[in-house]
Amino acid sequence: MTPEPAGEDQPEVTFAPGGYGRGVPAGVGSAKGEAFSRFGSYIGLSAFPGNRTALERSARTLEAPDDVMRLLAALPDGEIFENAAQAWEASEGRNA
């Protein structure tokens, strides 16, 4: 699937926010990329935008493992996350 080019006043289109695409350091296929993918797979899209509580609720519903729940519990309180990449960047997982 090829995205339509961005308009003059719009940012470039990307399928992987935060630089997690294939062929980039920490991207798809790398250990960090796979950890990010696993983390994000336990947060439903309906949780975004959402705070730590909303993300934890979604992850519990999707039966997230303890390590994912620990990462979510350590997110800053009161911050709103627009997507899994933002939550991952704010989590301890990005340093794994």
C-alpha atoms as a PDB file:
ATOM      1  CA  MET A   1       0.000   0.000   0.000  1.00  0.00           C
ATOM      2  CA  THR A   2       1.512   3.304  -1.077  1.00  0.00           C
ATOM      3  CA  PRO A   3       0.337   6.410   0.774  1.00  0.00           C
ATOM      4  CA  GLU A   4      -0.733   9.501  -1.104  1.00  0.00           C
ATOM      5  CA  PRO A   5       1.929  12.227  -0.944  1.00  0.00           C
ATOM      6  CA  ALA A   6       1.492  14.883   1.722  1.00  0.00           C
ATOM      7  CA  GLY A   7       0.072  18.247   0.722  1.00  0.00           C
ATOM      8  CA  GLU A   8       2.132  21.432   0.866  1.00  0.00           C
ATOM      9  CA  ASP A   9       1.008  22.282   4.398  1.00  0.00           C
ATOM     10  CA  GLN A  10       1.023  18.708   5.759  1.00  0.00           C
ATOM     11  CA  PRO A  11       3.771  16.582   7.314  1.00  0.00           C
ATOM     12  CA  GLU A  12       5.234  13.666   5.370  1.00  0.00           C
ATOM     13  CA  VAL A  13       3.186  10.470   5.629  1.00  0.00           C
ATOM     14  CA  THR A  14       4.590   7.634   7.733  1.00  0.00           C
ATOM     15  CA  PHE A  15       3.282   4.281   8.855  1.00  0.00           C
ATOM     16  CA  ALA A  16       5.737   4.113  11.750  1.00  0.00           C
ATOM     17  CA  PRO A  17       5.668   7.131  14.067  1.00  0.00           C
ATOM     18  CA  GLY A  18       8.777   7.717  16.119  1.00  0.00           C
ATOM     19  CA  GLY A  19      11.232   6.080  13.732  1.00  0.00           C
ATOM     20  CA  TYR A  20      10.251   2.461  14.253  1.00  0.00           C
ATOM     21  CA  GLY A  21      10.139   1.539  10.554  1.00  0.00           C
ATOM     22  CA  ARG A  22      12.083  -1.205   8.799  1.00  0.00           C
ATOM     23  CA  GLY A  23      15.743  -0.462   8.126  1.00  0.00           C
ATOM     24  CA  VAL A  24      16.237   2.110  10.887  1.00  0.00           C
ATOM     25  CA  PRO A  25      18.088   1.489  14.170  1.00  0.00           C
ATOM     26  CA  ALA A  26      15.629   0.037  16.693  1.00  0.00           C
ATOM     27  CA  GLY A  27      13.203  -0.524  13.818  1.00  0.00           C
ATOM     28  CA  VAL A  28      11.183  -3.528  12.696  1.00  0.00           C
ATOM     29  CA  GLY A  29      13.167  -6.737  13.086  1.00  0.00           C
ATOM     30  CA  SER A  30      15.478  -5.393  15.786  1.00  0.00           C
ATOM     31  CA  ALA A  31      15.089  -6.409  19.428  1.00  0.00           C
ATOM     32  CA  LYS A  32      13.900  -2.895  20.339  1.00  0.00           C
ATOM     33  CA  GLY A  33      11.500  -2.794  17.421  1.00  0.00           C
ATOM     34  CA  GLU A  34      10.016  -6.133  18.393  1.00  0.00           C
ATOM     35  CA  ALA A  35       9.695  -5.013  22.044  1.00  0.00           C
ATOM     36  CA  PHE A  36       7.861  -1.863  20.898  1.00  0.00           C
ATOM     37  CA  SER A  37       5.563  -3.932  18.690  1.00  0.00           C
ATOM     38  CA  ARG A  38       4.746  -6.283  21.568  1.00  0.00           C
ATOM     39  CA  PHE A  39       4.096  -3.343  23.905  1.00  0.00           C
ATOM     40  CA  GLY A  40       1.762  -1.655  21.432  1.00  0.00           C
ATOM     41  CA  SER A  41      -0.136  -4.848  20.622  1.00  0.00           C
ATOM     42  CA  TYR A  42      -1.593  -4.875  24.142  1.00  0.00           C
ATOM     43  CA  ILE A  43      -3.057  -1.360  23.921  1.00  0.00           C
ATOM     44  CA  GLY A  44      -6.275  -1.031  21.947  1.00  0.00           C
ATOM     45  CA  LEU A  45      -6.628   1.856  19.498  1.00  0.00           C
ATOM     46  CA  SER A  46      -9.705   3.071  21.364  1.00  0.00           C
ATOM     47  CA  ALA A  47      -7.458   3.929  24.342  1.00  0.00           C
ATOM     48  CA  PHE A  48      -5.890   6.787  22.352  1.00  0.00           C
ATOM     49  CA  PRO A  49      -5.657   9.598  23.007  1.00  0.00           C
ATOM     50  CA  GLY A  50      -5.503   8.602  26.641  1.00  0.00           C
ATOM     51  CA  ASN A  51      -3.687   8.865  29.919  1.00  0.00           C
ATOM     52  CA  ARG A  52      -1.916   6.132  31.874  1.00  0.00           C
ATOM     53  CA  THR A  53      -5.176   4.907  33.407  1.00  0.00           C
ATOM     54  CA  ALA A  54      -6.874   4.515  30.019  1.00  0.00           C
ATOM     55  CA  LEU A  55      -3.892   2.634  28.592  1.00  0.00           C
ATOM     56  CA  GLU A  56      -3.714   0.331  31.629  1.00  0.00           C
ATOM     57  CA  ARG A  57      -7.449  -0.381  31.384  1.00  0.00           C
ATOM     58  CA  SER A  58      -7.114  -1.285  27.716  1.00  0.00           C
ATOM     59  CA  ALA A  59      -4.078  -3.488  28.383  1.00  0.00           C
ATOM     60  CA  ARG A  60      -5.904  -5.367  31.163  1.00  0.00           C
ATOM     61  CA  THR A  61      -8.811  -5.985  28.780  1.00  0.00           C
ATOM     62  CA  LEU A  62      -6.356  -7.404  26.228  1.00  0.00           C
ATOM     63  CA  GLU A  63      -4.745  -9.541  28.972  1.00  0.00           C
ATOM     64  CA  ALA A  64      -1.340  -7.877  28.766  1.00  0.00           C
ATOM     65  CA  PRO A  65       1.521  -9.706  30.493  1.00  0.00           C
ATOM     66  CA  ASP A  66       3.036  -8.362  33.698  1.00  0.00           C
ATOM     67  CA  ASP A  67       6.052  -6.750  32.010  1.00  0.00           C
ATOM     68  CA  VAL A  68       3.795  -4.631  29.767  1.00  0.00           C
ATOM     69  CA  MET A  69       1.608  -3.675  32.738  1.00  0.00           C
ATOM     70  CA  ARG A  70       4.741  -2.597  34.666  1.00  0.00           C
ATOM     71  CA  LEU A  71       5.811  -0.349  31.789  1.00  0.00           C
ATOM     72  CA  LEU A  72       2.363   1.228  31.651  1.00  0.00           C
ATOM     73  CA  ALA A  73       2.225   1.694  35.433  1.00  0.00           C
ATOM     74  CA  ALA A  74       5.498   3.643  35.275  1.00  0.00           C
ATOM     75  CA  LEU A  75       4.175   6.166  32.719  1.00  0.00           C
ATOM     76  CA  PRO A  76       3.956   9.773  33.939  1.00  0.00           C
ATOM     77  CA  ASP A  77       0.661  10.558  35.629  1.00  0.00           C
ATOM     78  CA  GLY A  78      -1.488  13.195  33.948  1.00  0.00           C
ATOM     79  CA  GLU A  79       0.177  12.976  30.525  1.00  0.00           C
ATOM     80  CA  ILE A  80      -1.979  12.263  27.464  1.00  0.00           C
ATOM     81  CA  PHE A  81      -0.560   9.884  24.863  1.00  0.00           C
ATOM     82  CA  GLU A  82      -1.719  10.163  21.253  1.00  0.00           C
ATOM     83  CA  ASN A  83      -0.409   6.738  20.175  1.00  0.00           C
ATOM     84  CA  ALA A  84       1.605   3.709  21.287  1.00  0.00           C
ATOM     85  CA  ALA A  85       4.868   5.271  20.082  1.00  0.00           C
ATOM     86  CA  GLN A  86       4.438   8.225  22.454  1.00  0.00           C
ATOM     87  CA  ALA A  87       3.653   5.893  25.358  1.00  0.00           C
ATOM     88  CA  TRP A  88       6.651   3.705  24.483  1.00  0.00           C
ATOM     89  CA  GLU A  89       8.975   6.734  24.360  1.00  0.00           C
ATOM     90  CA  ALA A  90       7.756   7.782  27.816  1.00  0.00           C
ATOM     91  CA  SER A  91       8.130   4.235  29.202  1.00  0.00           C
ATOM     92  CA  GLU A  92      11.137   2.407  30.597  1.00  0.00           C
ATOM     93  CA  GLY A  93      10.872  -0.032  27.659  1.00  0.00           C
ATOM     94  CA  ARG A  94      12.599   2.293  25.229  1.00  0.00           C
ATOM     95  CA  ASN A  95      15.815   1.726  27.203  1.00  0.00           C
ATOM     96  CA  ALA A  96      15.608  -2.070  27.086  1.00  0.00           C
END
